PDB file of N, CA and C in Angstrom:
ATOM      1  N   UNK A   1       0.841  -1.183   0.000  1.00  0.00           N
ATOM      2  CA  UNK A   1       0.000   0.000   0.000  1.00  0.00           C
ATOM      3  C   UNK A   1       0.885   1.245   0.000  1.00  0.00           C
ATOM      4  N   UNK A   2       0.705   2.070  -0.976  1.00  0.00           N
ATOM      5  CA  UNK A   2       1.516   3.264  -1.118  1.00  0.00           C
ATOM      6  C   UNK A   2       1.159   4.257  -0.025  1.00  0.00           C
ATOM      7  N   UNK A   3       2.193   4.789   0.636  1.00  0.00           N
ATOM      8  CA  UNK A   3       1.979   5.802   1.652  1.00  0.00           C
ATOM      9  C   UNK A   3       2.057   5.272   3.067  1.00  0.00           C
ATOM     10  N   UNK A   4       1.842   3.972   3.277  1.00  0.00           N
ATOM     11  CA  UNK A   4       1.949   3.422   4.624  1.00  0.00           C
ATOM     12  C   UNK A   4       3.392   3.033   4.904  1.00  0.00           C
ATOM     13  N   UNK A   5       3.882   3.430   6.054  1.00  0.00           N
ATOM     14  CA  UNK A   5       5.225   3.068   6.512  1.00  0.00           C
ATOM     15  C   UNK A   5       5.068   2.281   7.812  1.00  0.00           C
ATOM     16  N   UNK A   6       5.751   1.164   7.899  1.00  0.00           N
ATOM     17  CA  UNK A   6       5.733   0.377   9.128  1.00  0.00           C
ATOM     18  C   UNK A   6       7.163   0.215   9.632  1.00  0.00           C
ATOM     19  N   UNK A   7       7.277   0.032  10.945  1.00  0.00           N
ATOM     20  CA  UNK A   7       8.588  -0.214  11.524  1.00  0.00           C
ATOM     21  C   UNK A   7       8.442  -1.245  12.634  1.00  0.00           C
ATOM     22  N   UNK A   8       9.476  -2.036  12.795  1.00  0.00           N
ATOM     23  CA  UNK A   8       9.483  -3.056  13.814  1.00  0.00           C
ATOM     24  C   UNK A   8       9.762  -2.464  15.193  1.00  0.00           C
ATOM     25  N   UNK A   9       9.787  -3.314  16.214  1.00  0.00           N
ATOM     26  CA  UNK A   9      10.005  -2.825  17.578  1.00  0.00           C
ATOM     27  C   UNK A   9      11.423  -2.313  17.817  1.00  0.00           C
ATOM     28  N   UNK A  10      12.337  -2.587  16.894  1.00  0.00           N
ATOM     29  CA  UNK A  10      13.730  -2.143  17.060  1.00  0.00           C
ATOM     30  C   UNK A  10      14.068  -0.909  16.234  1.00  0.00           C
ATOM     31  N   UNK A  11      13.058  -0.198  15.731  1.00  0.00           N
ATOM     32  CA  UNK A  11      13.307   1.013  14.974  1.00  0.00           C
ATOM     33  C   UNK A  11      12.164   2.006  15.150  1.00  0.00           C
ATOM     34  N   UNK A  12      12.439   3.241  14.764  1.00  0.00           N
ATOM     35  CA  UNK A  12      11.442   4.299  14.837  1.00  0.00           C
ATOM     36  C   UNK A  12      11.395   5.009  13.492  1.00  0.00           C
ATOM     37  N   UNK A  13      10.255   5.602  13.205  1.00  0.00           N
ATOM     38  CA  UNK A  13      10.095   6.398  11.999  1.00  0.00           C
ATOM     39  C   UNK A  13       9.846   7.842  12.430  1.00  0.00           C
ATOM     40  N   UNK A  14      10.540   8.752  11.763  1.00  0.00           N
ATOM     41  CA  UNK A  14      10.337  10.178  11.981  1.00  0.00           C
ATOM     42  C   UNK A  14       9.786  10.750  10.678  1.00  0.00           C
ATOM     43  N   UNK A  15       8.594  11.347  10.759  1.00  0.00           N
ATOM     44  CA  UNK A  15       7.952  11.917   9.580  1.00  0.00           C
ATOM     45  C   UNK A  15       7.972  13.429   9.699  1.00  0.00           C
ATOM     46  N   UNK A  16       8.507  14.078   8.670  1.00  0.00           N
ATOM     47  CA  UNK A  16       8.558  15.540   8.641  1.00  0.00           C
ATOM     48  C   UNK A  16       7.982  16.036   7.332  1.00  0.00           C
ATOM     49  N   UNK A  17       7.679  17.315   7.307  1.00  0.00           N
ATOM     50  CA  UNK A  17       7.106  17.919   6.115  1.00  0.00           C
ATOM     51  C   UNK A  17       5.796  18.593   6.425  1.00  0.00           C
ATOM     52  N   UNK A  18       5.020  18.842   5.380  1.00  0.00           N
ATOM     53  CA  UNK A  18       3.728  19.504   5.549  1.00  0.00           C
ATOM     54  C   UNK A  18       2.716  18.554   6.189  1.00  0.00           C
ATOM     55  N   UNK A  19       1.734  19.116   6.842  1.00  0.00           N
ATOM     56  CA  UNK A  19       0.598  18.379   7.408  1.00  0.00           C
ATOM     57  C   UNK A  19       1.001  17.415   8.522  1.00  0.00           C
ATOM     58  N   UNK A  20       2.013  17.763   9.304  1.00  0.00           N
ATOM     59  CA  UNK A  20       2.384  16.916  10.440  1.00  0.00           C
ATOM     60  C   UNK A  20       1.976  17.547  11.767  1.00  0.00           C
ATOM     61  N   UNK A  21       1.370  18.713  11.703  1.00  0.00           N
ATOM     62  CA  UNK A  21       0.986  19.387  12.943  1.00  0.00           C
ATOM     63  C   UNK A  21       2.054  20.366  13.369  1.00  0.00           C
ATOM     64  N   UNK A  22       2.417  20.339  14.644  1.00  0.00           N
ATOM     65  CA  UNK A  22       3.382  21.300  15.189  1.00  0.00           C
ATOM     66  C   UNK A  22       4.820  20.802  15.122  1.00  0.00           C
ATOM     67  N   UNK A  23       5.133  19.893  14.290  1.00  0.00           N
ATOM     68  CA  UNK A  23       6.491  19.385  14.169  1.00  0.00           C
ATOM     69  C   UNK A  23       6.469  17.964  13.666  1.00  0.00           C
ATOM     70  N   UNK A  24       7.624  17.329  13.652  1.00  0.00           N
ATOM     71  CA  UNK A  24       7.707  15.949  13.161  1.00  0.00           C
ATOM     72  C   UNK A  24       6.894  14.978  14.016  1.00  0.00           C
ATOM     73  N   UNK A  25       6.485  13.885  13.395  1.00  0.00           N
ATOM     74  CA  UNK A  25       5.810  12.791  14.103  1.00  0.00           C
ATOM     75  C   UNK A  25       6.837  11.709  14.382  1.00  0.00           C
ATOM     76  N   UNK A  26       6.743  11.101  15.559  1.00  0.00           N
ATOM     77  CA  UNK A  26       7.665  10.037  15.963  1.00  0.00           C
ATOM     78  C   UNK A  26       6.851   8.794  16.273  1.00  0.00           C
ATOM     79  N   UNK A  27       7.172   7.697  15.579  1.00  0.00           N
ATOM     80  CA  UNK A  27       6.476   6.430  15.806  1.00  0.00           C
ATOM     81  C   UNK A  27       7.513   5.348  16.028  1.00  0.00           C
ATOM     82  N   UNK A  28       7.388   4.614  17.118  1.00  0.00           N
ATOM     83  CA  UNK A  28       8.298   3.524  17.433  1.00  0.00           C
ATOM     84  C   UNK A  28       7.521   2.216  17.413  1.00  0.00           C
ATOM     85  N   UNK A  29       7.966   1.291  16.582  1.00  0.00           N
ATOM     86  CA  UNK A  29       7.330  -0.014  16.527  1.00  0.00           C
ATOM     87  C   UNK A  29       5.873   0.048  16.120  1.00  0.00           C
ATOM     88  N   UNK A  30       5.577   0.711  15.042  1.00  0.00           N
ATOM     89  CA  UNK A  30       4.186   0.832  14.603  1.00  0.00           C
ATOM     90  C   UNK A  30       4.107   1.179  13.138  1.00  0.00           C
ATOM     91  N   UNK A  31       3.025   1.863  12.768  1.00  0.00           N
ATOM     92  CA  UNK A  31       2.851   2.263  11.378  1.00  0.00           C
ATOM     93  C   UNK A  31       2.126   3.599  11.317  1.00  0.00           C
ATOM     94  N   UNK A  32       2.269   4.247  10.195  1.00  0.00           N
ATOM     95  CA  UNK A  32       1.567   5.497   9.956  1.00  0.00           C
ATOM     96  C   UNK A  32       1.517   5.772   8.472  1.00  0.00           C
ATOM     97  N   UNK A  33       0.655   6.690   8.105  1.00  0.00           N
ATOM     98  CA  UNK A  33       0.502   7.061   6.698  1.00  0.00           C
ATOM     99  C   UNK A  33       1.373   8.267   6.412  1.00  0.00           C
ATOM    100  N   UNK A  34       2.135   8.201   5.340  1.00  0.00           N
ATOM    101  CA  UNK A  34       3.003   9.289   4.907  1.00  0.00           C
ATOM    102  C   UNK A  34       2.481   9.787   3.570  1.00  0.00           C
ATOM    103  N   UNK A  35       2.225  11.082   3.509  1.00  0.00           N
ATOM    104  CA  UNK A  35       1.731  11.668   2.263  1.00  0.00           C
ATOM    105  C   UNK A  35       2.866  11.728   1.237  1.00  0.00           C
ATOM    106  N   UNK A  36       2.734  11.007   0.129  1.00  0.00           N
ATOM    107  CA  UNK A  36       3.795  11.015  -0.880  1.00  0.00           C
ATOM    108  C   UNK A  36       4.038  12.420  -1.428  1.00  0.00           C
ATOM    109  N   UNK A  37       5.284  12.769  -1.658  1.00  0.00           N
ATOM    110  CA  UNK A  37       5.742  14.033  -2.223  1.00  0.00           C
ATOM    111  C   UNK A  37       5.563  15.224  -1.284  1.00  0.00           C
ATOM    112  N   UNK A  38       4.898  15.041  -0.144  1.00  0.00           N
ATOM    113  CA  UNK A  38       4.645  16.143   0.785  1.00  0.00           C
ATOM    114  C   UNK A  38       5.407  15.930   2.091  1.00  0.00           C
ATOM    115  N   UNK A  39       5.535  14.668   2.492  1.00  0.00           N
ATOM    116  CA  UNK A  39       6.197  14.329   3.740  1.00  0.00           C
ATOM    117  C   UNK A  39       7.366  13.389   3.471  1.00  0.00           C
ATOM    118  N   UNK A  40       8.291  13.388   4.411  1.00  0.00           N
ATOM    119  CA  UNK A  40       9.464  12.523   4.304  1.00  0.00           C
ATOM    120  C   UNK A  40       9.534  11.643   5.547  1.00  0.00           C
ATOM    121  N   UNK A  41       9.714  10.351   5.337  1.00  0.00           N
ATOM    122  CA  UNK A  41       9.860   9.406   6.448  1.00  0.00           C
ATOM    123  C   UNK A  41      11.313   8.945   6.513  1.00  0.00           C
ATOM    124  N   UNK A  42      11.889   9.035   7.717  1.00  0.00           N
ATOM    125  CA  UNK A  42      13.254   8.577   7.940  1.00  0.00           C
ATOM    126  C   UNK A  42      13.250   7.596   9.096  1.00  0.00           C
ATOM    127  N   UNK A  43      14.134   6.613   9.026  1.00  0.00           N
ATOM    128  CA  UNK A  43      14.192   5.563  10.051  1.00  0.00           C
ATOM    129  C   UNK A  43      15.366   5.778  10.989  1.00  0.00           C
ATOM    130  N   UNK A  44      15.134   5.406  12.248  1.00  0.00           N
ATOM    131  CA  UNK A  44      16.150   5.499  13.284  1.00  0.00           C
ATOM    132  C   UNK A  44      16.265   4.141  13.955  1.00  0.00           C
ATOM    133  N   UNK A  45      17.464   3.572  13.938  1.00  0.00           N
ATOM    134  CA  UNK A  45      17.712   2.256  14.521  1.00  0.00           C
ATOM    135  C   UNK A  45      17.711   2.358  16.047  1.00  0.00           C
ATOM    136  N   UNK A  46      16.952   1.483  16.711  1.00  0.00           N
ATOM    137  CA  UNK A  46      16.862   1.477  18.174  1.00  0.00           C
ATOM    138  C   UNK A  46      17.540   0.258  18.798  1.00  0.00           C
ATOM    139  N   UNK A  47      18.351  -0.462  18.035  1.00  0.00           N
ATOM    140  CA  UNK A  47      19.040  -1.635  18.570  1.00  0.00           C
ATOM    141  C   UNK A  47      20.079  -1.248  19.615  1.00  0.00           C
ATOM    142  N   UNK A  48      20.339  -2.159  20.532  1.00  0.00           N
ATOM    143  CA  UNK A  48      21.387  -1.961  21.517  1.00  0.00           C
ATOM    144  C   UNK A  48      22.740  -2.062  20.825  1.00  0.00           C
ATOM    145  N   UNK A  49      23.632  -1.120  21.136  1.00  0.00           N
ATOM    146  CA  UNK A  49      24.971  -1.105  20.548  1.00  0.00           C
ATOM    147  C   UNK A  49      25.991  -1.390  21.643  1.00  0.00           C
ATOM    148  N   UNK A  50      26.887  -2.338  21.397  1.00  0.00           N
ATOM    149  CA  UNK A  50      27.932  -2.684  22.350  1.00  0.00           C
ATOM    150  C   UNK A  50      29.222  -1.981  21.937  1.00  0.00           C
ATOM    151  N   UNK A  51      29.805  -1.263  22.885  1.00  0.00           N
ATOM    152  CA  UNK A  51      31.013  -0.492  22.617  1.00  0.00           C
ATOM    153  C   UNK A  51      32.126  -0.948  23.538  1.00  0.00           C
ATOM    154  N   UNK A  52      33.342  -1.003  23.014  1.00  0.00           N
ATOM    155  CA  UNK A  52      34.513  -1.293  23.820  1.00  0.00           C
ATOM    156  C   UNK A  52      35.191   0.027  24.151  1.00  0.00           C
ATOM    157  N   UNK A  53      35.254   0.323  25.447  1.00  0.00           N
ATOM    158  CA  UNK A  53      35.833   1.592  25.903  1.00  0.00           C
ATOM    159  C   UNK A  53      37.234   1.325  26.422  1.00  0.00           C
ATOM    160  N   UNK A  54      38.233   1.867  25.738  1.00  0.00           N
ATOM    161  CA  UNK A  54      39.622   1.716  26.151  1.00  0.00           C
ATOM    162  C   UNK A  54      40.224   3.097  26.366  1.00  0.00           C
ATOM    163  N   UNK A  55      40.778   3.287  27.513  1.00  0.00           N
ATOM    164  CA  UNK A  55      41.473   4.531  27.818  1.00  0.00           C
ATOM    165  C   UNK A  55      42.806   4.141  28.441  1.00  0.00           C
ATOM    166  N   UNK A  56      43.876   4.133  27.655  1.00  0.00           N
ATOM    167  CA  UNK A  56      45.142   3.563  28.119  1.00  0.00           C
ATOM    168  C   UNK A  56      45.795   4.315  29.278  1.00  0.00           C
ATOM    169  N   UNK A  57      45.551   5.598  29.416  1.00  0.00           N
ATOM    170  CA  UNK A  57      46.207   6.333  30.494  1.00  0.00           C
ATOM    171  C   UNK A  57      45.248   7.411  31.004  1.00  0.00           C
ATOM    172  N   UNK A  58      44.664   7.121  32.160  1.00  0.00           N
ATOM    173  CA  UNK A  58      43.770   8.063  32.827  1.00  0.00           C
ATOM    174  C   UNK A  58      44.384   8.372  34.179  1.00  0.00           C
ATOM    175  N   UNK A  59      44.346   9.636  34.573  1.00  0.00           N
ATOM    176  CA  UNK A  59      44.920  10.039  35.853  1.00  0.00           C
ATOM    177  C   UNK A  59      43.821  10.216  36.897  1.00  0.00           C
ATOM    178  N   UNK A  60      44.060   9.667  38.084  1.00  0.00           N
ATOM    179  CA  UNK A  60      43.124   9.844  39.188  1.00  0.00           C
ATOM    180  C   UNK A  60      43.269  11.252  39.741  1.00  0.00           C
ATOM    181  N   UNK A  61      42.434  11.580  40.719  1.00  0.00           N
ATOM    182  CA  UNK A  61      42.494  12.903  41.347  1.00  0.00           C
ATOM    183  C   UNK A  61      43.865  13.153  41.971  1.00  0.00           C
ATOM    184  N   UNK A  62      44.486  12.073  42.485  1.00  0.00           N
ATOM    185  CA  UNK A  62      45.810  12.189  43.102  1.00  0.00           C
ATOM    186  C   UNK A  62      46.941  12.200  42.076  1.00  0.00           C
ATOM    187  N   UNK A  63      46.623  12.057  40.790  1.00  0.00           N
ATOM    188  CA  UNK A  63      47.633  12.082  39.754  1.00  0.00           C
ATOM    189  C   UNK A  63      48.235  10.729  39.431  1.00  0.00           C
ATOM    190  N   UNK A  64      47.624   9.643  39.880  1.00  0.00           N
ATOM    191  CA  UNK A  64      48.130   8.302  39.616  1.00  0.00           C
ATOM    192  C   UNK A  64      47.586   7.826  38.263  1.00  0.00           C
ATOM    193  N   UNK A  65      48.462   7.410  37.328  1.00  0.00           N
ATOM    194  CA  UNK A  65      47.975   6.930  36.034  1.00  0.00           C
ATOM    195  C   UNK A  65      47.415   5.510  36.144  1.00  0.00           C
ATOM    196  N   UNK A  66      46.256   5.294  35.550  1.00  0.00           N
ATOM    197  CA  UNK A  66      45.648   3.968  35.504  1.00  0.00           C
ATOM    198  C   UNK A  66      45.156   3.701  34.085  1.00  0.00           C
ATOM    199  N   UNK A  67      44.988   2.424  33.750  1.00  0.00           N
ATOM    200  CA  UNK A  67      44.407   2.032  32.472  1.00  0.00           C
ATOM    201  C   UNK A  67      42.976   1.590  32.712  1.00  0.00           C
ATOM    202  N   UNK A  68      42.080   2.026  31.819  1.00  0.00           N
ATOM    203  CA  UNK A  68      40.670   1.692  31.950  1.00  0.00           C
ATOM    204  C   UNK A  68      40.236   0.968  30.687  1.00  0.00           C
ATOM    205  N   UNK A  69      39.663  -0.207  30.849  1.00  0.00           N
ATOM    206  CA  UNK A  69      39.102  -0.971  29.742  1.00  0.00           C
ATOM    207  C   UNK A  69      37.726  -1.459  30.177  1.00  0.00           C
ATOM    208  N   UNK A  70      36.757  -1.288  29.315  1.00  0.00           N
ATOM    209  CA  UNK A  70      35.414  -1.709  29.675  1.00  0.00           C
ATOM    210  C   UNK A  70      34.529  -1.902  28.462  1.00  0.00           C
ATOM    211  N   UNK A  71      33.369  -2.445  28.726  1.00  0.00           N
ATOM    212  CA  UNK A  71      32.349  -2.660  27.709  1.00  0.00           C
ATOM    213  C   UNK A  71      31.123  -1.856  28.124  1.00  0.00           C
ATOM    214  N   UNK A  72      30.542  -1.147  27.183  1.00  0.00           N
ATOM    215  CA  UNK A  72      29.336  -0.375  27.459  1.00  0.00           C
ATOM    216  C   UNK A  72      28.273  -0.737  26.430  1.00  0.00           C
ATOM    217  N   UNK A  73      27.051  -0.788  26.883  1.00  0.00           N
ATOM    218  CA  UNK A  73      25.932  -0.999  25.971  1.00  0.00           C
ATOM    219  C   UNK A  73      25.049   0.235  26.030  1.00  0.00           C
ATOM    220  N   UNK A  74      24.787   0.802  24.863  1.00  0.00           N
ATOM    221  CA  UNK A  74      23.962   1.998  24.776  1.00  0.00           C
ATOM    222  C   UNK A  74      22.744   1.707  23.915  1.00  0.00           C
ATOM    223  N   UNK A  75      21.642   2.366  24.246  1.00  0.00           N
ATOM    224  CA  UNK A  75      20.393   2.138  23.541  1.00  0.00           C
ATOM    225  C   UNK A  75      19.563   3.407  23.560  1.00  0.00           C
ATOM    226  N   UNK A  76      18.859   3.657  22.479  1.00  0.00           N
ATOM    227  CA  UNK A  76      17.888   4.739  22.416  1.00  0.00           C
ATOM    228  C   UNK A  76      16.540   4.149  22.814  1.00  0.00           C
ATOM    229  N   UNK A  77      15.942   4.708  23.835  1.00  0.00           N
ATOM    230  CA  UNK A  77      14.640   4.202  24.291  1.00  0.00           C
ATOM    231  C   UNK A  77      13.546   4.730  23.374  1.00  0.00           C
ATOM    232  N   UNK A  78      12.793   3.823  22.778  1.00  0.00           N
ATOM    233  CA  UNK A  78      11.776   4.206  21.805  1.00  0.00           C
ATOM    234  C   UNK A  78      10.437   4.584  22.384  1.00  0.00           C
ATOM    235  N   UNK A  79      10.183   4.230  23.639  1.00  0.00           N
ATOM    236  CA  UNK A  79       8.860   4.514  24.197  1.00  0.00           C
ATOM    237  C   UNK A  79       8.718   5.938  24.715  1.00  0.00           C
ATOM    238  N   UNK A  80       9.796   6.667  24.831  1.00  0.00           N
ATOM    239  CA  UNK A  80       9.772   8.029  25.330  1.00  0.00           C
ATOM    240  C   UNK A  80       9.936   8.997  24.152  1.00  0.00           C
ATOM    241  N   UNK A  81       8.912   9.812  23.886  1.00  0.00           N
ATOM    242  CA  UNK A  81       8.935  10.712  22.731  1.00  0.00           C
ATOM    243  C   UNK A  81      10.039  11.754  22.856  1.00  0.00           C
ATOM    244  N   UNK A  82      10.299  12.232  24.075  1.00  0.00           N
ATOM    245  CA  UNK A  82      11.364  13.223  24.246  1.00  0.00           C
ATOM    246  C   UNK A  82      12.730  12.644  23.903  1.00  0.00           C
ATOM    247  N   UNK A  83      12.965  11.382  24.275  1.00  0.00           N
ATOM    248  CA  UNK A  83      14.234  10.735  23.930  1.00  0.00           C
ATOM    249  C   UNK A  83      14.327  10.481  22.429  1.00  0.00           C
ATOM    250  N   UNK A  84      13.214  10.090  21.815  1.00  0.00           N
ATOM    251  CA  UNK A  84      13.215   9.898  20.361  1.00  0.00           C
ATOM    252  C   UNK A  84      13.514  11.208  19.643  1.00  0.00           C
ATOM    253  N   UNK A  85      12.932  12.284  20.138  1.00  0.00           N
ATOM    254  CA  UNK A  85      13.163  13.592  19.525  1.00  0.00           C
ATOM    255  C   UNK A  85      14.632  13.993  19.634  1.00  0.00           C
ATOM    256  N   UNK A  86      15.220  13.825  20.812  1.00  0.00           N
ATOM    257  CA  UNK A  86      16.636  14.164  20.998  1.00  0.00           C
ATOM    258  C   UNK A  86      17.524  13.276  20.135  1.00  0.00           C
ATOM    259  N   UNK A  87      17.220  11.980  20.083  1.00  0.00           N
ATOM    260  CA  UNK A  87      18.012  11.056  19.265  1.00  0.00           C
ATOM    261  C   UNK A  87      17.885  11.390  17.781  1.00  0.00           C
ATOM    262  N   UNK A  88      16.677  11.763  17.346  1.00  0.00           N
ATOM    263  CA  UNK A  88      16.485  12.117  15.941  1.00  0.00           C
ATOM    264  C   UNK A  88      17.280  13.365  15.582  1.00  0.00           C
ATOM    265  N   UNK A  89      17.307  14.342  16.486  1.00  0.00           N
ATOM    266  CA  UNK A  89      18.061  15.571  16.219  1.00  0.00           C
ATOM    267  C   UNK A  89      19.551  15.293  16.086  1.00  0.00           C
ATOM    268  N   UNK A  90      20.062  14.335  16.848  1.00  0.00           N
ATOM    269  CA  UNK A  90      21.503  14.081  16.857  1.00  0.00           C
ATOM    270  C   UNK A  90      21.945  13.011  15.851  1.00  0.00           C
ATOM    271  N   UNK A  91      21.108  11.987  15.636  1.00  0.00           N
ATOM    272  CA  UNK A  91      21.576  10.797  14.921  1.00  0.00           C
ATOM    273  C   UNK A  91      20.821  10.435  13.650  1.00  0.00           C
ATOM    274  N   UNK A  92      19.821  11.175  13.239  1.00  0.00           N
ATOM    275  CA  UNK A  92      18.931  10.715  12.172  1.00  0.00           C
ATOM    276  C   UNK A  92      19.630  10.459  10.844  1.00  0.00           C
ATOM    277  N   UNK A  93      20.531  11.299  10.428  1.00  0.00           N
ATOM    278  CA  UNK A  93      21.196  11.111   9.131  1.00  0.00           C
ATOM    279  C   UNK A  93      22.521  10.379   9.243  1.00  0.00           C
ATOM    280  N   UNK A  94      22.787   9.777  10.383  1.00  0.00           N
ATOM    281  CA  UNK A  94      24.075   9.125  10.605  1.00  0.00           C
ATOM    282  C   UNK A  94      23.942   7.601  10.505  1.00  0.00           C
ATOM    283  N   UNK A  95      25.032   6.970  10.084  1.00  0.00           N
ATOM    284  CA  UNK A  95      25.063   5.505  10.022  1.00  0.00           C
ATOM    285  C   UNK A  95      25.270   4.945  11.429  1.00  0.00           C
ATOM    286  N   UNK A  96      25.095   3.646  11.575  1.00  0.00           N
ATOM    287  CA  UNK A  96      25.274   3.005  12.881  1.00  0.00           C
ATOM    288  C   UNK A  96      26.707   3.174  13.366  1.00  0.00           C
ATOM    289  N   UNK A  97      27.681   3.066  12.463  1.00  0.00           N
ATOM    290  CA  UNK A  97      29.081   3.227  12.875  1.00  0.00           C
ATOM    291  C   UNK A  97      29.362   4.657  13.339  1.00  0.00           C
ATOM    292  N   UNK A  98      28.727   5.645  12.712  1.00  0.00           N
ATOM    293  CA  UNK A  98      28.900   7.027  13.162  1.00  0.00           C
ATOM    294  C   UNK A  98      28.273   7.249  14.538  1.00  0.00           C
ATOM    295  N   UNK A  99      27.113   6.660  14.776  1.00  0.00           N
ATOM    296  CA  UNK A  99      26.450   6.762  16.089  1.00  0.00           C
ATOM    297  C   UNK A  99      27.320   6.099  17.154  1.00  0.00           C
ATOM    298  N   UNK A 100      27.873   4.929  16.838  1.00  0.00           N
ATOM    299  CA  UNK A 100      28.745   4.242  17.784  1.00  0.00           C
ATOM    300  C   UNK A 100      29.984   5.073  18.097  1.00  0.00           C
ATOM    301  N   UNK A 101      30.549   5.721  17.094  1.00  0.00           N
ATOM    302  CA  UNK A 101      31.738   6.552  17.311  1.00  0.00           C
ATOM    303  C   UNK A 101      31.422   7.744  18.211  1.00  0.00           C
ATOM    304  N   UNK A 102      30.281   8.387  18.000  1.00  0.00           N
ATOM    305  CA  UNK A 102      29.880   9.517  18.843  1.00  0.00           C
ATOM    306  C   UNK A 102      29.667   9.058  20.281  1.00  0.00           C
ATOM    307  N   UNK A 103      28.978   7.921  20.458  1.00  0.00           N
ATOM    308  CA  UNK A 103      28.744   7.396  21.805  1.00  0.00           C
ATOM    309  C   UNK A 103      30.062   7.017  22.478  1.00  0.00           C
ATOM    310  N   UNK A 104      30.974   6.422  21.729  1.00  0.00           N
ATOM    311  CA  UNK A 104      32.270   6.030  22.280  1.00  0.00           C
ATOM    312  C   UNK A 104      33.079   7.248  22.713  1.00  0.00           C
ATOM    313  N   UNK A 105      33.105   8.275  21.890  1.00  0.00           N
ATOM    314  CA  UNK A 105      33.827   9.500  22.253  1.00  0.00           C
ATOM    315  C   UNK A 105      33.229  10.147  23.499  1.00  0.00           C
ATOM    316  N   UNK A 106      31.907  10.101  23.608  1.00  0.00           N
ATOM    317  CA  UNK A 106      31.245  10.650  24.794  1.00  0.00           C
ATOM    318  C   UNK A 106      31.615   9.852  26.036  1.00  0.00           C
ATOM    319  N   UNK A 107      31.614   8.523  25.915  1.00  0.00           N
ATOM    320  CA  UNK A 107      31.961   7.678  27.062  1.00  0.00           C
ATOM    321  C   UNK A 107      33.418   7.852  27.468  1.00  0.00           C
ATOM    322  N   UNK A 108      34.319   7.926  26.504  1.00  0.00           N
ATOM    323  CA  UNK A 108      35.741   8.082  26.822  1.00  0.00           C
ATOM    324  C   UNK A 108      35.990   9.422  27.492  1.00  0.00           C
ATOM    325  N   UNK A 109      35.341  10.470  27.019  1.00  0.00           N
ATOM    326  CA  UNK A 109      35.532  11.777  27.672  1.00  0.00           C
ATOM    327  C   UNK A 109      34.939  11.758  29.074  1.00  0.00           C
ATOM    328  N   UNK A 110      33.865  11.007  29.271  1.00  0.00           N
ATOM    329  CA  UNK A 110      33.272  10.881  30.610  1.00  0.00           C
ATOM    330  C   UNK A 110      34.219  10.124  31.550  1.00  0.00           C
ATOM    331  N   UNK A 111      34.817   9.027  31.054  1.00  0.00           N
ATOM    332  CA  UNK A 111      35.750   8.249  31.855  1.00  0.00           C
ATOM    333  C   UNK A 111      36.978   9.096  32.189  1.00  0.00           C
ATOM    334  N   UNK A 112      37.482   9.845  31.234  1.00  0.00           N
ATOM    335  CA  UNK A 112      38.650  10.682  31.467  1.00  0.00           C
ATOM    336  C   UNK A 112      38.362  11.799  32.462  1.00  0.00           C
ATOM    337  N   UNK A 113      37.122  12.279  32.472  1.00  0.00           N
ATOM    338  CA  UNK A 113      36.745  13.348  33.394  1.00  0.00           C
ATOM    339  C   UNK A 113      36.763  12.856  34.823  1.00  0.00           C
ATOM    340  N   UNK A 114      36.331  11.622  35.058  1.00  0.00           N
ATOM    341  CA  UNK A 114      36.289  11.078  36.412  1.00  0.00           C
ATOM    342  C   UNK A 114      37.653  10.624  36.804  1.00  0.00           C
TER     343      UNK A 114
END
């Protein structure tokens, strides 16, 4: 059926353009009608991403160098519209590898800060 967009429970659709009301529509794990040539539907992956966080030399408050290695799992929560909106603003046109790189850089800077 032309105009209907569906997405599984591991993705969200963001619809922008004319006739969307006061801004884009966000649908996670559902379906909606997209007006052809008037609206644009874009998909956002909501899968859990596993990242390896390595920081070879981090200094403690006392100035002692330590090595930090860890695994982090990050996920965009699809049931919260505010989180979907923030994720769409930051990650909508990016590939999964670009999203992972941004999350990894954020985690490494957080680890280095502590």
